[in-house]
Amino acid sequence: VIFAHGAGEVGYMAGPLATIWFTVKDGTLYSK
């Protein structure tokens, strides 16, 4: 369960955070 939890839940946090990071850094909203 812990392994599966990391596989699923971490992605939900990393995805939006990465989008915000690249949007602020590059000034562009990427689709991926």
PDB file of all heavy atoms in Angstrom:
ATOM      1  N   VAL A   1       0.829  -1.204   0.000  1.00  0.00           N
ATOM      2  CA  VAL A   1       0.000   0.000   0.000  1.00  0.00           C
ATOM      3  C   VAL A   1       0.863   1.253   0.000  1.00  0.00           C
ATOM      4  O   VAL A   1       0.577   2.228  -0.703  1.00  0.00           O
ATOM      5  CB  VAL A   1      -0.945   0.003   1.214  1.00  0.00           C
ATOM      6  CG1 VAL A   1      -1.664   1.342   1.336  1.00  0.00           C
ATOM      7  CG2 VAL A   1      -1.970  -1.108   1.102  1.00  0.00           C
ATOM      8  N   ILE A   2       1.930   1.242   0.788  1.00  0.00           N
ATOM      9  CA  ILE A   2       2.828   2.400   0.832  1.00  0.00           C
ATOM     10  C   ILE A   2       3.451   2.657  -0.540  1.00  0.00           C
ATOM     11  O   ILE A   2       3.534   3.803  -1.006  1.00  0.00           O
ATOM     12  CB  ILE A   2       3.923   2.172   1.888  1.00  0.00           C
ATOM     13  CG1 ILE A   2       3.306   2.144   3.295  1.00  0.00           C
ATOM     14  CG2 ILE A   2       4.992   3.262   1.808  1.00  0.00           C
ATOM     15  CD1 ILE A   2       4.269   1.718   4.375  1.00  0.00           C
ATOM     16  N   PHE A   3       3.879   1.586  -1.194  1.00  0.00           N
ATOM     17  CA  PHE A   3       4.455   1.728  -2.533  1.00  0.00           C
ATOM     18  C   PHE A   3       3.425   2.291  -3.511  1.00  0.00           C
ATOM     19  O   PHE A   3       3.720   3.204  -4.292  1.00  0.00           O
ATOM     20  CB  PHE A   3       4.956   0.367  -3.017  1.00  0.00           C
ATOM     21  CG  PHE A   3       5.574   0.397  -4.385  1.00  0.00           C
ATOM     22  CD1 PHE A   3       6.876   0.816  -4.562  1.00  0.00           C
ATOM     23  CD2 PHE A   3       4.845   0.007  -5.501  1.00  0.00           C
ATOM     24  CE1 PHE A   3       7.457   0.858  -5.826  1.00  0.00           C
ATOM     25  CE2 PHE A   3       5.404   0.045  -6.774  1.00  0.00           C
ATOM     26  CZ  PHE A   3       6.716   0.469  -6.926  1.00  0.00           C
ATOM     27  N   ALA A   4       2.213   1.723  -3.468  1.00  0.00           N
ATOM     28  CA  ALA A   4       1.154   2.195  -4.357  1.00  0.00           C
ATOM     29  C   ALA A   4       0.762   3.629  -4.026  1.00  0.00           C
ATOM     30  O   ALA A   4       0.484   4.436  -4.923  1.00  0.00           O
ATOM     31  CB  ALA A   4      -0.062   1.273  -4.251  1.00  0.00           C
ATOM     32  N   HIS A   5       0.762   3.956  -2.736  1.00  0.00           N
ATOM     33  CA  HIS A   5       0.430   5.306  -2.295  1.00  0.00           C
ATOM     34  C   HIS A   5       1.403   6.320  -2.887  1.00  0.00           C
ATOM     35  O   HIS A   5       1.004   7.381  -3.372  1.00  0.00           O
ATOM     36  CB  HIS A   5       0.469   5.356  -0.770  1.00  0.00           C
ATOM     37  CG  HIS A   5      -0.132   6.596  -0.184  1.00  0.00           C
ATOM     38  ND1 HIS A   5      -1.431   6.977  -0.399  1.00  0.00           N
ATOM     39  CD2 HIS A   5       0.394   7.553   0.624  1.00  0.00           C
ATOM     40  CE1 HIS A   5      -1.689   8.100   0.239  1.00  0.00           C
ATOM     41  NE2 HIS A   5      -0.585   8.472   0.873  1.00  0.00           N
ATOM     42  N   GLY A   6       2.677   5.979  -2.857  1.00  0.00           N
ATOM     43  CA  GLY A   6       3.676   6.865  -3.448  1.00  0.00           C
ATOM     44  C   GLY A   6       3.541   6.972  -4.953  1.00  0.00           C
ATOM     45  O   GLY A   6       3.714   8.051  -5.530  1.00  0.00           O
ATOM     46  N   ALA A   7       3.210   5.846  -5.595  1.00  0.00           N
ATOM     47  CA  ALA A   7       3.061   5.856  -7.053  1.00  0.00           C
ATOM     48  C   ALA A   7       1.912   6.742  -7.498  1.00  0.00           C
ATOM     49  O   ALA A   7       1.972   7.369  -8.558  1.00  0.00           O
ATOM     50  CB  ALA A   7       2.845   4.423  -7.558  1.00  0.00           C
ATOM     51  N   GLY A   8       0.865   6.801  -6.682  1.00  0.00           N
ATOM     52  CA  GLY A   8      -0.306   7.587  -7.072  1.00  0.00           C
ATOM     53  C   GLY A   8      -0.304   8.995  -6.518  1.00  0.00           C
ATOM     54  O   GLY A   8      -0.373   9.980  -7.256  1.00  0.00           O
ATOM     55  N   GLU A   9      -0.187   9.121  -5.202  1.00  0.00           N
ATOM     56  CA  GLU A   9      -0.382  10.407  -4.550  1.00  0.00           C
ATOM     57  C   GLU A   9       0.737  11.401  -4.823  1.00  0.00           C
ATOM     58  O   GLU A   9       0.485  12.601  -4.945  1.00  0.00           O
ATOM     59  CB  GLU A   9      -0.529  10.201  -3.030  1.00  0.00           C
ATOM     60  CG  GLU A   9      -1.633   9.239  -2.625  1.00  0.00           C
ATOM     61  CD  GLU A   9      -3.023   9.809  -2.862  1.00  0.00           C
ATOM     62  OE1 GLU A   9      -3.135  11.036  -3.015  1.00  0.00           O
ATOM     63  OE2 GLU A   9      -3.984   9.029  -2.890  1.00  0.00           O
ATOM     64  N   VAL A  10       1.983  10.939  -4.898  1.00  0.00           N
ATOM     65  CA  VAL A  10       3.095  11.868  -5.129  1.00  0.00           C
ATOM     66  C   VAL A  10       2.937  12.565  -6.478  1.00  0.00           C
ATOM     67  O   VAL A  10       3.232  13.753  -6.615  1.00  0.00           O
ATOM     68  CB  VAL A  10       4.446  11.125  -5.041  1.00  0.00           C
ATOM     69  CG1 VAL A  10       5.586  12.040  -5.479  1.00  0.00           C
ATOM     70  CG2 VAL A  10       4.694  10.642  -3.625  1.00  0.00           C
ATOM     71  N   GLY A  11       2.457  11.826  -7.463  1.00  0.00           N
ATOM     72  CA  GLY A  11       2.255  12.426  -8.779  1.00  0.00           C
ATOM     73  C   GLY A  11       1.240  13.552  -8.767  1.00  0.00           C
ATOM     74  O   GLY A  11       1.370  14.531  -9.512  1.00  0.00           O
ATOM     75  N   TYR A  12       0.217  13.433  -7.915  1.00  0.00           N
ATOM     76  CA  TYR A  12      -0.792  14.491  -7.832  1.00  0.00           C
ATOM     77  C   TYR A  12      -0.223  15.786  -7.279  1.00  0.00           C
ATOM     78  O   TYR A  12      -0.710  16.867  -7.596  1.00  0.00           O
ATOM     79  CB  TYR A  12      -1.963  14.046  -6.944  1.00  0.00           C
ATOM     80  CG  TYR A  12      -2.575  12.732  -7.326  1.00  0.00           C
ATOM     81  CD1 TYR A  12      -3.195  11.930  -6.387  1.00  0.00           C
ATOM     82  CD2 TYR A  12      -2.540  12.282  -8.642  1.00  0.00           C
ATOM     83  CE1 TYR A  12      -3.766  10.713  -6.740  1.00  0.00           C
ATOM     84  CE2 TYR A  12      -3.099  11.068  -8.997  1.00  0.00           C
ATOM     85  CZ  TYR A  12      -3.713  10.291  -8.037  1.00  0.00           C
ATOM     86  OH  TYR A  12      -4.267   9.097  -8.380  1.00  0.00           O
ATOM     87  N   MET A  13       0.797  15.661  -6.435  1.00  0.00           N
ATOM     88  CA  MET A  13       1.423  16.857  -5.875  1.00  0.00           C
ATOM     89  C   MET A  13       2.531  17.381  -6.779  1.00  0.00           C
ATOM     90  O   MET A  13       2.678  18.590  -6.951  1.00  0.00           O
ATOM     91  CB  MET A  13       1.978  16.546  -4.484  1.00  0.00           C
ATOM     92  CG  MET A  13       0.910  16.229  -3.454  1.00  0.00           C
ATOM     93  SD  MET A  13       1.600  15.797  -1.834  1.00  0.00           S
ATOM     94  CE  MET A  13       2.111  14.107  -2.144  1.00  0.00           C
ATOM     95  N   ALA A  14       3.311  16.460  -7.353  1.00  0.00           N
ATOM     96  CA  ALA A  14       4.442  16.880  -8.181  1.00  0.00           C
ATOM     97  C   ALA A  14       3.979  17.528  -9.481  1.00  0.00           C
ATOM     98  O   ALA A  14       4.607  18.485  -9.952  1.00  0.00           O
ATOM     99  CB  ALA A  14       5.337  15.675  -8.476  1.00  0.00           C
ATOM    100  N   GLY A  15       2.895  17.023 -10.062  1.00  0.00           N
ATOM    101  CA  GLY A  15       2.418  17.561 -11.336  1.00  0.00           C
ATOM    102  C   GLY A  15       2.045  19.036 -11.266  1.00  0.00           C
ATOM    103  O   GLY A  15       2.593  19.870 -12.010  1.00  0.00           O
ATOM    104  N   PRO A  16       1.118  19.427 -10.380  1.00  0.00           N
ATOM    105  CA  PRO A  16       0.771  20.856 -10.273  1.00  0.00           C
ATOM    106  C   PRO A  16       1.939  21.731  -9.853  1.00  0.00           C
ATOM    107  O   PRO A  16       2.097  22.847 -10.358  1.00  0.00           O
ATOM    108  CB  PRO A  16      -0.335  20.858  -9.207  1.00  0.00           C
ATOM    109  CG  PRO A  16      -0.912  19.491  -9.261  1.00  0.00           C
ATOM    110  CD  PRO A  16       0.235  18.580  -9.578  1.00  0.00           C
ATOM    111  N   LEU A  17       2.782  21.225  -8.934  1.00  0.00           N
ATOM    112  CA  LEU A  17       3.934  22.010  -8.497  1.00  0.00           C
ATOM    113  C   LEU A  17       4.902  22.237  -9.649  1.00  0.00           C
ATOM    114  O   LEU A  17       5.452  23.349  -9.811  1.00  0.00           O
ATOM    115  CB  LEU A  17       4.633  21.308  -7.335  1.00  0.00           C
ATOM    116  CG  LEU A  17       5.834  22.038  -6.717  1.00  0.00           C
ATOM    117  CD1 LEU A  17       5.417  23.404  -6.220  1.00  0.00           C
ATOM    118  CD2 LEU A  17       6.423  21.210  -5.567  1.00  0.00           C
ATOM    119  N   ALA A  18       5.125  21.222 -10.466  1.00  0.00           N
ATOM    120  CA  ALA A  18       6.009  21.373 -11.623  1.00  0.00           C
ATOM    121  C   ALA A  18       5.426  22.360 -12.632  1.00  0.00           C
ATOM    122  O   ALA A  18       6.154  23.168 -13.229  1.00  0.00           O
ATOM    123  CB  ALA A  18       6.244  20.017 -12.281  1.00  0.00           C
ATOM    124  N   THR A  19       4.108  22.300 -12.832  1.00  0.00           N
ATOM    125  CA  THR A  19       3.459  23.239 -13.754  1.00  0.00           C
ATOM    126  C   THR A  19       3.624  24.673 -13.281  1.00  0.00           C
ATOM    127  O   THR A  19       3.940  25.577 -14.069  1.00  0.00           O
ATOM    128  CB  THR A  19       1.965  22.899 -13.877  1.00  0.00           C
ATOM    129  OG1 THR A  19       1.823  21.559 -14.362  1.00  0.00           O
ATOM    130  CG2 THR A  19       1.270  23.860 -14.836  1.00  0.00           C
ATOM    131  N   ILE A  20       3.423  24.898 -11.985  1.00  0.00           N
ATOM    132  CA  ILE A  20       3.593  26.242 -11.426  1.00  0.00           C
ATOM    133  C   ILE A  20       5.042  26.702 -11.571  1.00  0.00           C
ATOM    134  O   ILE A  20       5.316  27.851 -11.947  1.00  0.00           O
ATOM    135  CB  ILE A  20       3.163  26.256  -9.948  1.00  0.00           C
ATOM    136  CG1 ILE A  20       1.663  26.002  -9.821  1.00  0.00           C
ATOM    137  CG2 ILE A  20       3.545  27.578  -9.284  1.00  0.00           C
ATOM    138  CD1 ILE A  20       1.191  25.828  -8.393  1.00  0.00           C
ATOM    139  N   TRP A  21       5.979  25.790 -11.305  1.00  0.00           N
ATOM    140  CA  TRP A  21       7.400  26.145 -11.377  1.00  0.00           C
ATOM    141  C   TRP A  21       7.786  26.579 -12.784  1.00  0.00           C
ATOM    142  O   TRP A  21       8.407  27.632 -12.969  1.00  0.00           O
ATOM    143  CB  TRP A  21       8.248  24.964 -10.926  1.00  0.00           C
ATOM    144  CG  TRP A  21       9.702  25.064 -11.304  1.00  0.00           C
ATOM    145  CD1 TRP A  21      10.354  24.351 -12.268  1.00  0.00           C
ATOM    146  CD2 TRP A  21      10.671  25.959 -10.750  1.00  0.00           C
ATOM    147  NE1 TRP A  21      11.670  24.719 -12.353  1.00  0.00           N
ATOM    148  CE2 TRP A  21      11.894  25.719 -11.425  1.00  0.00           C
ATOM    149  CE3 TRP A  21      10.628  26.925  -9.757  1.00  0.00           C
ATOM    150  CZ2 TRP A  21      13.049  26.408 -11.130  1.00  0.00           C
ATOM    151  CZ3 TRP A  21      11.793  27.626  -9.461  1.00  0.00           C
ATOM    152  CH2 TRP A  21      12.988  27.360 -10.151  1.00  0.00           C
ATOM    153  N   PHE A  22       7.411  25.801 -13.780  1.00  0.00           N
ATOM    154  CA  PHE A  22       7.785  26.139 -15.148  1.00  0.00           C
ATOM    155  C   PHE A  22       7.034  27.371 -15.661  1.00  0.00           C
ATOM    156  O   PHE A  22       7.569  28.134 -16.464  1.00  0.00           O
ATOM    157  CB  PHE A  22       7.535  24.949 -16.073  1.00  0.00           C
ATOM    158  CG  PHE A  22       8.583  23.874 -15.974  1.00  0.00           C
ATOM    159  CD1 PHE A  22       8.287  22.658 -15.388  1.00  0.00           C
ATOM    160  CD2 PHE A  22       9.862  24.085 -16.450  1.00  0.00           C
ATOM    161  CE1 PHE A  22       9.245  21.661 -15.284  1.00  0.00           C
ATOM    162  CE2 PHE A  22      10.841  23.111 -16.350  1.00  0.00           C
ATOM    163  CZ  PHE A  22      10.528  21.890 -15.762  1.00  0.00           C
ATOM    164  N   THR A  23       5.801  27.571 -15.196  1.00  0.00           N
ATOM    165  CA  THR A  23       5.046  28.753 -15.617  1.00  0.00           C
ATOM    166  C   THR A  23       5.686  30.024 -15.089  1.00  0.00           C
ATOM    167  O   THR A  23       5.837  31.015 -15.819  1.00  0.00           O
ATOM    168  CB  THR A  23       3.594  28.660 -15.116  1.00  0.00           C
ATOM    169  OG1 THR A  23       2.975  27.491 -15.660  1.00  0.00           O
ATOM    170  CG2 THR A  23       2.790  29.888 -15.552  1.00  0.00           C
ATOM    171  N   VAL A  24       6.089  30.005 -13.825  1.00  0.00           N
ATOM    172  CA  VAL A  24       6.740  31.179 -13.231  1.00  0.00           C
ATOM    173  C   VAL A  24       8.131  31.377 -13.824  1.00  0.00           C
ATOM    174  O   VAL A  24       8.546  32.506 -14.114  1.00  0.00           O
ATOM    175  CB  VAL A  24       6.810  31.018 -11.697  1.00  0.00           C
ATOM    176  CG1 VAL A  24       7.632  32.142 -11.082  1.00  0.00           C
ATOM    177  CG2 VAL A  24       5.414  30.994 -11.099  1.00  0.00           C
ATOM    178  N   LYS A  25       8.868  30.275 -14.032  1.00  0.00           N
ATOM    179  CA  LYS A  25      10.251  30.383 -14.519  1.00  0.00           C
ATOM    180  C   LYS A  25      10.325  30.833 -15.969  1.00  0.00           C
ATOM    181  O   LYS A  25      11.142  31.693 -16.325  1.00  0.00           O
ATOM    182  CB  LYS A  25      10.953  29.024 -14.362  1.00  0.00           C
ATOM    183  CG  LYS A  25      12.427  29.027 -14.781  1.00  0.00           C
ATOM    184  CD  LYS A  25      13.107  27.732 -14.385  1.00  0.00           C
ATOM    185  CE  LYS A  25      12.599  26.577 -15.244  1.00  0.00           C
ATOM    186  NZ  LYS A  25      13.166  26.632 -16.625  1.00  0.00           N
ATOM    187  N   ASP A  26       9.469  30.266 -16.829  1.00  0.00           N
ATOM    188  CA  ASP A  26       9.548  30.549 -18.259  1.00  0.00           C
ATOM    189  C   ASP A  26       8.497  31.541 -18.740  1.00  0.00           C
ATOM    190  O   ASP A  26       8.581  32.011 -19.877  1.00  0.00           O
ATOM    191  CB  ASP A  26       9.402  29.248 -19.064  1.00  0.00           C
ATOM    192  CG  ASP A  26      10.497  28.242 -18.729  1.00  0.00           C
ATOM    193  OD1 ASP A  26      11.560  28.666 -18.228  1.00  0.00           O
ATOM    194  OD2 ASP A  26      10.278  27.027 -18.944  1.00  0.00           O
ATOM    195  N   GLY A  27       7.496  31.812 -17.907  1.00  0.00           N
ATOM    196  CA  GLY A  27       6.432  32.708 -18.339  1.00  0.00           C
ATOM    197  C   GLY A  27       5.521  32.088 -19.376  1.00  0.00           C
ATOM    198  O   GLY A  27       4.801  32.799 -20.085  1.00  0.00           O
ATOM    199  N   THR A  28       5.523  30.768 -19.474  1.00  0.00           N
ATOM    200  CA  THR A  28       4.706  30.050 -20.458  1.00  0.00           C
ATOM    201  C   THR A  28       3.997  28.893 -19.781  1.00  0.00           C
ATOM    202  O   THR A  28       4.590  28.177 -18.969  1.00  0.00           O
ATOM    203  CB  THR A  28       5.582  29.495 -21.599  1.00  0.00           C
ATOM    204  OG1 THR A  28       6.287  30.584 -22.216  1.00  0.00           O
ATOM    205  CG2 THR A  28       4.716  28.789 -22.638  1.00  0.00           C
ATOM    206  N   LEU A  29       2.719  28.727 -20.122  1.00  0.00           N
ATOM    207  CA  LEU A  29       1.955  27.611 -19.587  1.00  0.00           C
ATOM    208  C   LEU A  29       2.041  26.444 -20.572  1.00  0.00           C
ATOM    209  O   LEU A  29       1.470  26.486 -21.657  1.00  0.00           O
ATOM    210  CB  LEU A  29       0.494  28.006 -19.370  1.00  0.00           C
ATOM    211  CG  LEU A  29      -0.433  26.897 -18.860  1.00  0.00           C
ATOM    212  CD1 LEU A  29       0.051  26.386 -17.515  1.00  0.00           C
ATOM    213  CD2 LEU A  29      -1.873  27.389 -18.768  1.00  0.00           C
ATOM    214  N   TYR A  30       2.789  25.424 -20.205  1.00  0.00           N
ATOM    215  CA  TYR A  30       2.975  24.256 -21.067  1.00  0.00           C
ATOM    216  C   TYR A  30       1.817  23.269 -20.887  1.00  0.00           C
ATOM    217  O   TYR A  30       1.246  23.142 -19.795  1.00  0.00           O
ATOM    218  CB  TYR A  30       4.295  23.552 -20.745  1.00  0.00           C
ATOM    219  CG  TYR A  30       5.519  24.411 -20.962  1.00  0.00           C
ATOM    220  CD1 TYR A  30       6.185  25.005 -19.888  1.00  0.00           C
ATOM    221  CD2 TYR A  30       6.006  24.644 -22.248  1.00  0.00           C
ATOM    222  CE1 TYR A  30       7.304  25.790 -20.073  1.00  0.00           C
ATOM    223  CE2 TYR A  30       7.135  25.433 -22.448  1.00  0.00           C
ATOM    224  CZ  TYR A  30       7.777  26.011 -21.358  1.00  0.00           C
ATOM    225  OH  TYR A  30       8.891  26.792 -21.561  1.00  0.00           O
ATOM    226  N   SER A  31       1.494  22.576 -21.958  1.00  0.00           N
ATOM    227  CA  SER A  31       0.443  21.557 -21.884  1.00  0.00           C
ATOM    228  C   SER A  31       0.941  20.287 -21.208  1.00  0.00           C
ATOM    229  O   SER A  31       0.136  19.495 -20.705  1.00  0.00           O
ATOM    230  CB  SER A  31      -0.071  21.217 -23.292  1.00  0.00           C
ATOM    231  OG  SER A  31       0.989  20.714 -24.108  1.00  0.00           O
ATOM    232  N   LYS A  32       2.262  20.091 -21.189  1.00  0.00           N
ATOM    233  CA  LYS A  32       2.839  18.920 -20.548  1.00  0.00           C
ATOM    234  C   LYS A  32       4.215  19.280 -20.014  1.00  0.00           C
ATOM    235  O   LYS A  32       4.995  19.946 -20.703  1.00  0.00           O
ATOM    236  CB  LYS A  32       2.949  17.763 -21.536  1.00  0.00           C
ATOM    237  CG  LYS A  32       3.491  16.469 -20.927  1.00  0.00           C
ATOM    238  CD  LYS A  32       3.594  15.370 -21.975  1.00  0.00           C
ATOM    239  CE  LYS A  32       2.219  14.969 -22.477  1.00  0.00           C
ATOM    240  NZ  LYS A  32       2.310  13.793 -23.396  1.00  0.00           N
TER     241      LYS A  32
END
